[in-house]
Amino acid sequence: MAKLKITQIKSGIGYKQNQKETLRSLGLKRMHDSVVQEDRPEIRGMINTVPHLVQVEEVD
């Protein structure tokens, strides 16, 4: 299964509470943090909630 590298590129300050919680659920705690997650529909849904705050790359 493919993996996604998700990097937080912008702070969650000033955005809605659910967007801040989505960043936390993805495992991101501060700017320039990166996590590798499985490419699943649940993760894609979280990414679609905060596309303006994260950068997504596909990794092997």
N, C-alpha and C. Protein backbone atom coordinates (compact mmCIF):
# COMPACT_ATOMS: atom_id res chain seq x y z
N MET A 1 0.84 -1.19 0.00
CA MET A 1 0.00 0.00 0.00
C MET A 1 0.88 1.24 0.00
N ALA A 2 0.45 2.27 -0.70
CA ALA A 2 1.21 3.52 -0.80
C ALA A 2 1.22 4.25 0.54
N LYS A 3 2.25 5.06 0.71
CA LYS A 3 2.36 5.87 1.91
C LYS A 3 2.42 7.33 1.52
N LEU A 4 1.94 8.17 2.41
CA LEU A 4 1.93 9.62 2.20
C LEU A 4 2.80 10.29 3.25
N LYS A 5 3.66 11.20 2.81
CA LYS A 5 4.42 12.03 3.74
C LYS A 5 3.68 13.35 3.84
N ILE A 6 3.22 13.66 5.05
CA ILE A 6 2.42 14.86 5.29
C ILE A 6 3.26 15.82 6.12
N THR A 7 3.43 17.04 5.63
CA THR A 7 4.23 18.05 6.30
C THR A 7 3.37 19.26 6.58
N GLN A 8 3.40 19.74 7.81
CA GLN A 8 2.66 20.95 8.16
C GLN A 8 3.47 22.15 7.70
N ILE A 9 2.88 22.97 6.82
CA ILE A 9 3.60 24.12 6.26
C ILE A 9 3.11 25.45 6.80
N LYS A 10 2.00 25.42 7.54
CA LYS A 10 1.42 26.66 8.06
C LYS A 10 0.85 26.38 9.45
N SER A 11 0.87 27.37 10.30
CA SER A 11 0.35 27.22 11.66
C SER A 11 -1.17 27.13 11.68
N GLY A 12 -1.68 26.42 12.66
CA GLY A 12 -3.12 26.29 12.84
C GLY A 12 -3.74 27.45 13.61
N ILE A 13 -2.92 28.38 14.07
CA ILE A 13 -3.42 29.52 14.84
C ILE A 13 -4.33 30.37 13.95
N GLY A 14 -5.49 30.70 14.46
CA GLY A 14 -6.41 31.54 13.73
C GLY A 14 -7.41 30.76 12.88
N TYR A 15 -7.29 29.43 12.89
CA TYR A 15 -8.22 28.60 12.14
C TYR A 15 -9.18 27.91 13.09
N LYS A 16 -10.22 27.30 12.55
CA LYS A 16 -11.25 26.68 13.36
C LYS A 16 -10.69 25.55 14.21
N GLN A 17 -11.36 25.29 15.32
CA GLN A 17 -10.92 24.27 16.27
C GLN A 17 -10.85 22.89 15.61
N ASN A 18 -11.82 22.56 14.73
CA ASN A 18 -11.79 21.24 14.11
C ASN A 18 -10.57 21.07 13.20
N GLN A 19 -10.08 22.16 12.61
CA GLN A 19 -8.89 22.07 11.78
C GLN A 19 -7.64 21.85 12.63
N LYS A 20 -7.58 22.48 13.79
CA LYS A 20 -6.47 22.26 14.73
C LYS A 20 -6.47 20.81 15.21
N GLU A 21 -7.66 20.29 15.50
CA GLU A 21 -7.77 18.91 15.97
C GLU A 21 -7.41 17.92 14.86
N THR A 22 -7.71 18.27 13.63
CA THR A 22 -7.35 17.41 12.51
C THR A 22 -5.83 17.32 12.36
N LEU A 23 -5.14 18.44 12.53
CA LEU A 23 -3.68 18.42 12.50
C LEU A 23 -3.13 17.49 13.57
N ARG A 24 -3.69 17.58 14.78
CA ARG A 24 -3.27 16.71 15.88
C ARG A 24 -3.54 15.24 15.56
N SER A 25 -4.70 14.97 14.97
CA SER A 25 -5.07 13.59 14.62
C SER A 25 -4.13 13.01 13.57
N LEU A 26 -3.62 13.86 12.70
CA LEU A 26 -2.66 13.41 11.71
C LEU A 26 -1.28 13.15 12.33
N GLY A 27 -1.06 13.67 13.54
CA GLY A 27 0.23 13.49 14.22
C GLY A 27 1.15 14.67 14.09
N LEU A 28 0.61 15.81 13.65
CA LEU A 28 1.42 17.02 13.47
C LEU A 28 1.26 17.92 14.67
N LYS A 29 2.39 18.37 15.22
CA LYS A 29 2.35 19.18 16.43
C LYS A 29 2.84 20.60 16.23
N ARG A 30 3.71 20.80 15.25
CA ARG A 30 4.26 22.15 15.02
C ARG A 30 4.62 22.30 13.55
N MET A 31 4.93 23.50 13.15
CA MET A 31 5.27 23.75 11.76
C MET A 31 6.51 22.95 11.36
N HIS A 32 6.52 22.50 10.13
CA HIS A 32 7.60 21.72 9.53
C HIS A 32 7.75 20.33 10.12
N ASP A 33 6.78 19.89 10.91
CA ASP A 33 6.71 18.49 11.35
C ASP A 33 6.27 17.65 10.16
N SER A 34 6.80 16.44 10.05
CA SER A 34 6.40 15.53 8.99
C SER A 34 6.03 14.19 9.59
N VAL A 35 5.03 13.54 9.03
CA VAL A 35 4.64 12.20 9.42
C VAL A 35 4.41 11.39 8.15
N VAL A 36 4.58 10.08 8.26
CA VAL A 36 4.29 9.18 7.15
C VAL A 36 3.08 8.35 7.56
N GLN A 37 2.03 8.41 6.74
CA GLN A 37 0.79 7.70 7.01
C GLN A 37 0.46 6.82 5.82
N GLU A 38 -0.32 5.76 6.08
CA GLU A 38 -0.83 4.93 4.99
C GLU A 38 -1.82 5.75 4.16
N ASP A 39 -1.88 5.47 2.87
CA ASP A 39 -2.83 6.16 1.99
C ASP A 39 -4.18 5.46 2.10
N ARG A 40 -4.98 5.93 3.06
CA ARG A 40 -6.32 5.36 3.31
C ARG A 40 -7.35 6.46 3.16
N PRO A 41 -8.61 6.07 2.93
CA PRO A 41 -9.66 7.09 2.78
C PRO A 41 -9.80 8.00 4.00
N GLU A 42 -9.58 7.47 5.21
CA GLU A 42 -9.71 8.29 6.42
C GLU A 42 -8.64 9.38 6.44
N ILE A 43 -7.42 9.02 6.07
CA ILE A 43 -6.32 9.98 6.05
C ILE A 43 -6.55 11.02 4.96
N ARG A 44 -7.02 10.57 3.79
CA ARG A 44 -7.31 11.50 2.69
C ARG A 44 -8.39 12.51 3.10
N GLY A 45 -9.38 12.05 3.86
CA GLY A 45 -10.42 12.95 4.34
C GLY A 45 -9.87 14.00 5.28
N MET A 46 -8.95 13.60 6.16
CA MET A 46 -8.33 14.57 7.07
C MET A 46 -7.50 15.58 6.28
N ILE A 47 -6.78 15.10 5.27
CA ILE A 47 -5.97 16.00 4.44
C ILE A 47 -6.87 17.00 3.72
N ASN A 48 -8.03 16.54 3.25
CA ASN A 48 -8.96 17.44 2.56
C ASN A 48 -9.56 18.48 3.48
N THR A 49 -9.53 18.24 4.79
CA THR A 49 -10.02 19.22 5.75
C THR A 49 -9.03 20.38 5.92
N VAL A 50 -7.74 20.10 5.78
CA VAL A 50 -6.71 21.12 6.02
C VAL A 50 -5.71 21.23 4.86
N PRO A 51 -6.16 21.30 3.62
CA PRO A 51 -5.20 21.33 2.50
C PRO A 51 -4.34 22.60 2.48
N HIS A 52 -4.84 23.67 3.08
CA HIS A 52 -4.12 24.93 3.11
C HIS A 52 -3.03 24.96 4.18
N LEU A 53 -3.00 23.95 5.05
CA LEU A 53 -2.02 23.90 6.14
C LEU A 53 -0.97 22.82 5.96
N VAL A 54 -1.18 21.91 5.02
CA VAL A 54 -0.26 20.78 4.86
C VAL A 54 0.21 20.64 3.41
N GLN A 55 1.34 19.95 3.28
CA GLN A 55 1.87 19.58 1.97
C GLN A 55 1.96 18.06 1.97
N VAL A 56 1.52 17.41 0.89
CA VAL A 56 1.45 15.97 0.82
C VAL A 56 2.32 15.46 -0.33
N GLU A 57 3.16 14.44 -0.02
CA GLU A 57 3.97 13.79 -1.03
C GLU A 57 3.76 12.29 -0.91
N GLU A 58 3.84 11.60 -2.03
CA GLU A 58 3.75 10.14 -2.01
C GLU A 58 5.17 9.59 -1.90
N VAL A 59 5.38 8.66 -0.98
CA VAL A 59 6.68 8.03 -0.78
C VAL A 59 6.54 6.51 -0.92
N ASP A 60 7.69 5.87 -1.18
CA ASP A 60 7.70 4.41 -1.29
C ASP A 60 8.25 3.77 -0.05
